[in-house]
Amino acid sequence: MSRDLRKYARDTNVRIAVGAVLLLLLVGLGLVDFIYGAGAALTGFLCLLGALLPIGLIVLILFGMDWFVKHANSDDERSD
């Protein structure tokens, strides 16, 4: 059994990011709803979506660039 520590680190980072977003959405918006009401929670949700949109676009662009570079490098190796 081989240990792929890079895959483990990548999986761990993804789990931490997903957990942080879920914690922010569920606990944060839950507290806003509890203290200020449903209207404020909906407004907070819209603000969080607006804040996560540029972050999501940046992540999508970086993954696209990574995919492009990996496929461009594999094409170069095949031509040799």
N, C-alpha and C. Protein backbone atom coordinates (compact mmCIF):
# COMPACT_ATOMS: atom_id res chain seq x y z
N MET A 1 0.84 -1.18 0.00
CA MET A 1 0.00 0.00 0.00
C MET A 1 0.89 1.24 0.00
N SER A 2 0.73 2.08 -1.01
CA SER A 2 1.56 3.28 -1.09
C SER A 2 0.81 4.47 -0.48
N ARG A 3 1.58 5.38 0.02
CA ARG A 3 1.01 6.59 0.61
C ARG A 3 1.24 7.75 -0.34
N ASP A 4 0.16 8.33 -0.78
CA ASP A 4 0.25 9.51 -1.63
C ASP A 4 -0.06 10.72 -0.76
N LEU A 5 0.99 11.32 -0.21
CA LEU A 5 0.80 12.41 0.73
C LEU A 5 0.28 13.68 0.06
N ARG A 6 0.58 13.87 -1.20
CA ARG A 6 0.05 15.05 -1.90
C ARG A 6 -1.46 14.94 -2.07
N LYS A 7 -1.93 13.73 -2.41
CA LYS A 7 -3.37 13.52 -2.55
C LYS A 7 -4.05 13.70 -1.19
N TYR A 8 -3.43 13.19 -0.15
CA TYR A 8 -3.98 13.33 1.20
C TYR A 8 -4.06 14.80 1.60
N ALA A 9 -3.01 15.57 1.33
CA ALA A 9 -3.00 16.99 1.65
C ALA A 9 -4.06 17.74 0.84
N ARG A 10 -4.19 17.40 -0.44
CA ARG A 10 -5.19 18.05 -1.29
C ARG A 10 -6.60 17.74 -0.79
N ASP A 11 -6.85 16.47 -0.45
CA ASP A 11 -8.16 16.09 0.07
C ASP A 11 -8.46 16.80 1.39
N THR A 12 -7.46 16.89 2.24
CA THR A 12 -7.63 17.57 3.52
C THR A 12 -7.94 19.04 3.33
N ASN A 13 -7.24 19.69 2.42
CA ASN A 13 -7.50 21.11 2.16
C ASN A 13 -8.90 21.34 1.61
N VAL A 14 -9.35 20.46 0.73
CA VAL A 14 -10.71 20.59 0.20
C VAL A 14 -11.73 20.41 1.31
N ARG A 15 -11.52 19.42 2.18
CA ARG A 15 -12.45 19.19 3.29
C ARG A 15 -12.48 20.38 4.25
N ILE A 16 -11.34 20.99 4.51
CA ILE A 16 -11.29 22.15 5.40
C ILE A 16 -12.03 23.32 4.77
N ALA A 17 -11.84 23.55 3.47
CA ALA A 17 -12.52 24.66 2.80
C ALA A 17 -14.03 24.45 2.78
N VAL A 18 -14.46 23.23 2.46
CA VAL A 18 -15.90 22.95 2.44
C VAL A 18 -16.49 23.09 3.84
N GLY A 19 -15.78 22.60 4.84
CA GLY A 19 -16.25 22.73 6.21
C GLY A 19 -16.35 24.18 6.66
N ALA A 20 -15.39 25.00 6.26
CA ALA A 20 -15.42 26.42 6.63
C ALA A 20 -16.61 27.13 5.99
N VAL A 21 -16.86 26.84 4.73
CA VAL A 21 -18.00 27.47 4.05
C VAL A 21 -19.31 27.01 4.66
N LEU A 22 -19.43 25.72 4.93
CA LEU A 22 -20.66 25.22 5.56
C LEU A 22 -20.85 25.81 6.96
N LEU A 23 -19.76 25.90 7.71
CA LEU A 23 -19.84 26.50 9.04
C LEU A 23 -20.28 27.95 8.95
N LEU A 24 -19.71 28.69 8.01
CA LEU A 24 -20.08 30.09 7.82
C LEU A 24 -21.55 30.22 7.46
N LEU A 25 -22.00 29.39 6.51
CA LEU A 25 -23.38 29.49 6.07
C LEU A 25 -24.36 29.02 7.15
N LEU A 26 -24.14 27.85 7.71
CA LEU A 26 -25.11 27.30 8.64
C LEU A 26 -25.10 28.01 9.99
N VAL A 27 -23.94 28.12 10.60
CA VAL A 27 -23.87 28.74 11.92
C VAL A 27 -24.04 30.26 11.82
N GLY A 28 -23.34 30.86 10.87
CA GLY A 28 -23.43 32.32 10.74
C GLY A 28 -24.82 32.79 10.40
N LEU A 29 -25.39 32.21 9.36
CA LEU A 29 -26.74 32.63 8.97
C LEU A 29 -27.78 32.16 9.97
N GLY A 30 -27.53 31.04 10.63
CA GLY A 30 -28.45 30.60 11.68
C GLY A 30 -28.50 31.58 12.84
N LEU A 31 -27.35 32.09 13.23
CA LEU A 31 -27.33 33.09 14.31
C LEU A 31 -27.96 34.39 13.87
N VAL A 32 -27.72 34.81 12.64
CA VAL A 32 -28.34 36.03 12.14
C VAL A 32 -29.86 35.85 12.12
N ASP A 33 -30.32 34.69 11.67
CA ASP A 33 -31.76 34.42 11.65
C ASP A 33 -32.33 34.42 13.07
N PHE A 34 -31.63 33.82 14.00
CA PHE A 34 -32.10 33.74 15.38
C PHE A 34 -32.17 35.12 16.02
N ILE A 35 -31.16 35.95 15.78
CA ILE A 35 -31.09 37.25 16.45
C ILE A 35 -31.90 38.31 15.72
N TYR A 36 -31.79 38.37 14.37
CA TYR A 36 -32.39 39.48 13.64
C TYR A 36 -33.59 39.10 12.79
N GLY A 37 -33.78 37.81 12.50
CA GLY A 37 -34.94 37.40 11.72
C GLY A 37 -34.56 36.88 10.35
N ALA A 38 -35.58 36.36 9.66
CA ALA A 38 -35.37 35.70 8.37
C ALA A 38 -34.95 36.69 7.27
N GLY A 39 -35.47 37.89 7.31
CA GLY A 39 -35.11 38.88 6.29
C GLY A 39 -33.63 39.23 6.33
N ALA A 40 -33.12 39.40 7.52
CA ALA A 40 -31.69 39.70 7.67
C ALA A 40 -30.84 38.50 7.25
N ALA A 41 -31.31 37.29 7.55
CA ALA A 41 -30.57 36.09 7.15
C ALA A 41 -30.54 35.97 5.63
N LEU A 42 -31.65 36.28 4.96
CA LEU A 42 -31.67 36.25 3.50
C LEU A 42 -30.73 37.30 2.92
N THR A 43 -30.72 38.47 3.49
CA THR A 43 -29.79 39.51 3.05
C THR A 43 -28.34 39.09 3.28
N GLY A 44 -28.09 38.48 4.42
CA GLY A 44 -26.74 37.98 4.70
C GLY A 44 -26.32 36.90 3.73
N PHE A 45 -27.27 36.01 3.36
CA PHE A 45 -26.98 34.97 2.38
C PHE A 45 -26.63 35.57 1.03
N LEU A 46 -27.37 36.58 0.61
CA LEU A 46 -27.08 37.24 -0.67
C LEU A 46 -25.72 37.94 -0.63
N CYS A 47 -25.38 38.53 0.49
CA CYS A 47 -24.06 39.16 0.63
C CYS A 47 -22.94 38.12 0.59
N LEU A 48 -23.15 36.97 1.24
CA LEU A 48 -22.15 35.91 1.19
C LEU A 48 -21.98 35.37 -0.22
N LEU A 49 -23.09 35.20 -0.95
CA LEU A 49 -22.98 34.76 -2.34
C LEU A 49 -22.21 35.77 -3.18
N GLY A 50 -22.48 37.05 -2.95
CA GLY A 50 -21.75 38.09 -3.67
C GLY A 50 -20.27 38.09 -3.35
N ALA A 51 -19.92 37.76 -2.12
CA ALA A 51 -18.51 37.71 -1.73
C ALA A 51 -17.83 36.46 -2.26
N LEU A 52 -18.57 35.34 -2.35
CA LEU A 52 -17.98 34.09 -2.82
C LEU A 52 -17.89 34.01 -4.33
N LEU A 53 -18.63 34.84 -5.04
CA LEU A 53 -18.60 34.81 -6.50
C LEU A 53 -17.22 35.11 -7.08
N PRO A 54 -16.56 36.21 -6.68
CA PRO A 54 -15.21 36.44 -7.23
C PRO A 54 -14.21 35.37 -6.81
N ILE A 55 -14.35 34.85 -5.59
CA ILE A 55 -13.45 33.79 -5.13
C ILE A 55 -13.64 32.54 -5.98
N GLY A 56 -14.89 32.20 -6.25
CA GLY A 56 -15.19 31.05 -7.10
C GLY A 56 -14.67 31.22 -8.51
N LEU A 57 -14.79 32.42 -9.05
CA LEU A 57 -14.27 32.67 -10.40
C LEU A 57 -12.75 32.53 -10.44
N ILE A 58 -12.08 33.03 -9.43
CA ILE A 58 -10.62 32.92 -9.38
C ILE A 58 -10.20 31.45 -9.29
N VAL A 59 -10.88 30.67 -8.43
CA VAL A 59 -10.56 29.25 -8.30
C VAL A 59 -10.83 28.53 -9.62
N LEU A 60 -11.93 28.86 -10.28
CA LEU A 60 -12.25 28.24 -11.56
C LEU A 60 -11.19 28.56 -12.62
N ILE A 61 -10.74 29.79 -12.66
CA ILE A 61 -9.70 30.18 -13.62
C ILE A 61 -8.39 29.44 -13.32
N LEU A 62 -8.03 29.33 -12.03
CA LEU A 62 -6.80 28.64 -11.67
C LEU A 62 -6.86 27.16 -12.02
N PHE A 63 -8.01 26.51 -11.76
CA PHE A 63 -8.15 25.10 -12.14
C PHE A 63 -8.10 24.94 -13.65
N GLY A 64 -8.70 25.88 -14.38
CA GLY A 64 -8.64 25.83 -15.84
C GLY A 64 -7.22 25.98 -16.36
N MET A 65 -6.47 26.90 -15.78
CA MET A 65 -5.08 27.07 -16.18
C MET A 65 -4.26 25.83 -15.85
N ASP A 66 -4.49 25.24 -14.69
CA ASP A 66 -3.78 24.02 -14.30
C ASP A 66 -4.09 22.88 -15.27
N TRP A 67 -5.34 22.72 -15.62
CA TRP A 67 -5.75 21.67 -16.57
C TRP A 67 -5.08 21.90 -17.93
N PHE A 68 -5.08 23.16 -18.38
CA PHE A 68 -4.48 23.49 -19.67
C PHE A 68 -2.98 23.19 -19.68
N VAL A 69 -2.28 23.56 -18.62
CA VAL A 69 -0.84 23.33 -18.55
C VAL A 69 -0.53 21.84 -18.49
N LYS A 70 -1.32 21.08 -17.73
CA LYS A 70 -1.08 19.63 -17.65
C LYS A 70 -1.29 18.97 -19.00
N HIS A 71 -2.32 19.37 -19.73
CA HIS A 71 -2.58 18.76 -21.03
C HIS A 71 -1.59 19.24 -22.09
N ALA A 72 -1.13 20.47 -21.99
CA ALA A 72 -0.13 20.97 -22.93
C ALA A 72 1.20 20.26 -22.71
N ASN A 73 1.55 19.98 -21.45
CA ASN A 73 2.80 19.28 -21.14
C ASN A 73 2.73 17.83 -21.59
N SER A 74 1.58 17.18 -21.46
CA SER A 74 1.48 15.78 -21.86
C SER A 74 1.54 15.66 -23.38
N ASP A 75 1.06 16.65 -24.11
CA ASP A 75 1.16 16.64 -25.58
C ASP A 75 2.60 16.80 -26.03
N ASP A 76 3.38 17.63 -25.31
CA ASP A 76 4.78 17.83 -25.65
C ASP A 76 5.58 16.55 -25.45
N GLU A 77 5.28 15.80 -24.41
CA GLU A 77 6.01 14.56 -24.12
C GLU A 77 5.70 13.49 -25.15
N ARG A 78 4.50 13.46 -25.69
CA ARG A 78 4.13 12.45 -26.68
C ARG A 78 4.80 12.67 -28.02
N SER A 79 5.11 13.92 -28.35
CA SER A 79 5.70 14.21 -29.66
C SER A 79 7.16 13.82 -29.74
N ASP A 80 7.81 13.61 -28.58
CA ASP A 80 9.24 13.22 -28.58
C ASP A 80 9.46 11.81 -29.01
